[in-house]
Amino acid sequence: MTRRLLLAAAILISNAVGLLLATLLLDGFSVGPLSLLIVVVIFTVIQLIADPLVTKISEKNLPALKGGVALVVIFFGLIITSLIVSGFQIGGIANLLAATLLVWLGSLIANILIPMFVFKELQAPTKTK
């Protein structure tokens, strides 16, 4: 597989891990089994579109937001995805805030582990002297 396809698969898997983590740990946060693939794809597409936009806006207007761009993108991605997919329920504002952190954390851990154990081709090349 090409590096670009592996990267896309890794992003989808890491978002699925984050969403499943939130589903397991939060009461009221649910993704229907048949809706999981649709939710992951829509959530990932929203992230890929929103991330550069939020980054650009934060650099110009809110430099302090620069470090929290991923959290903001995940927050709005969860809201928009829940409005689009009927099999996806967040369960209130407390769940939305907790899910934002859990999806971010699950995705972060998966993004670290996937290149190490699943797609070794995605590991950064080591520099030789």
Protein backbone atom coordinates (compact mmCIF):
# COMPACT_ATOMS: atom_id res chain seq x y z
CA MET A 1 0.00 0.00 0.00
CA THR A 2 1.09 3.53 -0.59
CA ARG A 3 2.05 5.72 2.34
CA ARG A 4 -0.99 7.95 1.79
CA LEU A 5 -3.42 5.01 2.01
CA LEU A 6 -1.67 3.71 5.12
CA LEU A 7 -1.90 7.16 6.70
CA ALA A 8 -5.63 7.35 5.89
CA ALA A 9 -6.18 3.90 7.39
CA ALA A 10 -4.20 4.87 10.49
CA ILE A 11 -6.29 8.02 10.98
CA LEU A 12 -9.54 6.07 10.59
CA ILE A 13 -8.36 3.41 13.04
CA SER A 14 -7.19 5.97 15.60
CA ASN A 15 -10.51 7.83 15.44
CA ALA A 16 -12.37 4.52 15.81
CA VAL A 17 -10.28 3.73 18.90
CA GLY A 18 -11.07 7.14 20.40
CA LEU A 19 -14.79 6.84 19.71
CA LEU A 20 -14.92 3.29 21.08
CA LEU A 21 -13.10 4.42 24.22
CA ALA A 22 -15.69 7.14 24.79
CA THR A 23 -18.48 4.64 24.09
CA LEU A 24 -17.11 2.20 26.66
CA LEU A 25 -16.48 4.75 29.41
CA LEU A 26 -19.40 7.18 29.15
CA ASP A 27 -23.02 6.38 29.93
CA GLY A 28 -25.28 7.92 27.32
CA PHE A 29 -22.53 8.17 24.69
CA SER A 30 -23.32 5.53 22.13
CA VAL A 31 -22.52 4.51 18.61
CA GLY A 32 -24.77 1.90 17.08
CA PRO A 33 -22.89 -1.14 15.79
CA LEU A 34 -24.14 -0.57 12.25
CA SER A 35 -23.40 3.15 12.47
CA LEU A 36 -19.80 2.81 13.68
CA LEU A 37 -18.18 2.80 10.25
CA ILE A 38 -20.31 5.72 9.06
CA VAL A 39 -19.61 7.70 12.24
CA VAL A 40 -15.85 7.10 11.98
CA VAL A 41 -15.72 8.12 8.31
CA ILE A 42 -17.87 11.26 8.77
CA PHE A 43 -16.01 12.26 11.95
CA THR A 44 -12.65 11.82 10.18
CA VAL A 45 -13.75 13.82 7.13
CA ILE A 46 -14.98 16.64 9.39
CA GLN A 47 -11.64 16.58 11.22
CA LEU A 48 -9.64 16.69 8.00
CA ILE A 49 -11.67 19.66 6.76
CA ALA A 50 -11.89 21.57 10.05
CA ASP A 51 -8.31 21.14 11.26
CA PRO A 52 -6.64 23.43 8.69
CA LEU A 53 -9.46 25.99 9.03
CA VAL A 54 -9.31 26.15 12.82
CA THR A 55 -5.50 26.22 12.72
CA LYS A 56 -5.52 29.15 10.30
CA ILE A 57 -8.14 31.06 12.30
CA SER A 58 -6.30 30.47 15.57
CA GLU A 59 -2.97 31.60 14.15
CA LYS A 60 -4.45 34.91 13.00
CA ASN A 61 -7.01 35.71 15.70
CA LEU A 62 -6.46 33.50 18.76
CA PRO A 63 -2.83 32.46 19.10
CA ALA A 64 -3.54 31.03 22.57
CA LEU A 65 -5.87 28.48 20.97
CA LYS A 66 -3.04 27.05 18.86
CA GLY A 67 -2.26 24.26 21.33
CA GLY A 68 -5.90 23.22 21.68
CA VAL A 69 -6.78 23.01 18.00
CA ALA A 70 -7.17 19.22 18.12
CA LEU A 71 -9.57 19.47 21.06
CA VAL A 72 -11.65 22.16 19.35
CA VAL A 73 -11.80 20.15 16.12
CA ILE A 74 -12.83 16.99 17.99
CA PHE A 75 -15.47 18.93 19.96
CA PHE A 76 -17.12 20.32 16.83
CA GLY A 77 -16.59 17.06 14.94
CA LEU A 78 -18.57 15.20 17.59
CA ILE A 79 -21.39 17.76 17.48
CA ILE A 80 -21.65 17.78 13.68
CA THR A 81 -21.41 13.99 13.42
CA SER A 82 -24.17 13.54 15.99
CA LEU A 83 -26.40 15.86 13.95
CA ILE A 84 -25.75 13.90 10.74
CA VAL A 85 -25.83 10.26 11.92
CA SER A 86 -28.92 9.02 13.74
CA GLY A 87 -27.15 6.04 15.34
CA PHE A 88 -24.74 8.30 17.23
CA GLN A 89 -25.75 9.83 20.58
CA ILE A 90 -23.59 12.04 22.79
CA GLY A 91 -25.84 12.24 25.84
CA GLY A 92 -25.48 15.80 27.09
CA ILE A 93 -22.89 18.53 27.52
CA ALA A 94 -20.93 16.71 30.24
CA ASN A 95 -20.58 13.69 27.96
CA LEU A 96 -19.60 15.95 25.07
CA LEU A 97 -16.77 17.49 27.09
CA ALA A 98 -15.62 14.14 28.49
CA ALA A 99 -15.91 12.49 25.06
CA THR A 100 -13.79 15.25 23.53
CA LEU A 101 -10.98 14.42 25.93
CA LEU A 102 -11.42 10.65 25.61
CA VAL A 103 -11.54 10.69 21.80
CA TRP A 104 -8.46 12.94 21.77
CA LEU A 105 -6.61 10.68 24.21
CA GLY A 106 -7.62 7.46 22.45
CA SER A 107 -6.65 8.87 19.07
CA LEU A 108 -3.36 10.16 20.43
CA ILE A 109 -2.41 6.79 21.90
CA ALA A 110 -3.50 4.98 18.73
CA ASN A 111 -1.49 7.42 16.58
CA ILE A 112 1.59 6.55 18.60
CA LEU A 113 1.05 2.77 18.63
CA ILE A 114 -0.26 2.16 15.09
CA PRO A 115 3.02 3.09 13.33
CA MET A 116 4.96 1.04 15.89
CA PHE A 117 2.95 -2.18 15.64
CA VAL A 118 0.57 -2.13 12.65
CA PHE A 119 1.88 0.09 9.86
CA LYS A 120 5.63 0.14 10.40
CA GLU A 121 6.03 1.95 7.07
CA LEU A 122 4.62 5.09 8.73
CA GLN A 123 7.43 5.35 11.26
CA ALA A 124 9.65 8.34 10.76
CA PRO A 125 12.87 7.36 9.01
CA THR A 126 15.87 7.29 11.30
CA LYS A 127 18.78 9.54 10.47
CA THR A 128 22.12 7.86 9.99
CA LYS A 129 25.43 9.56 10.52
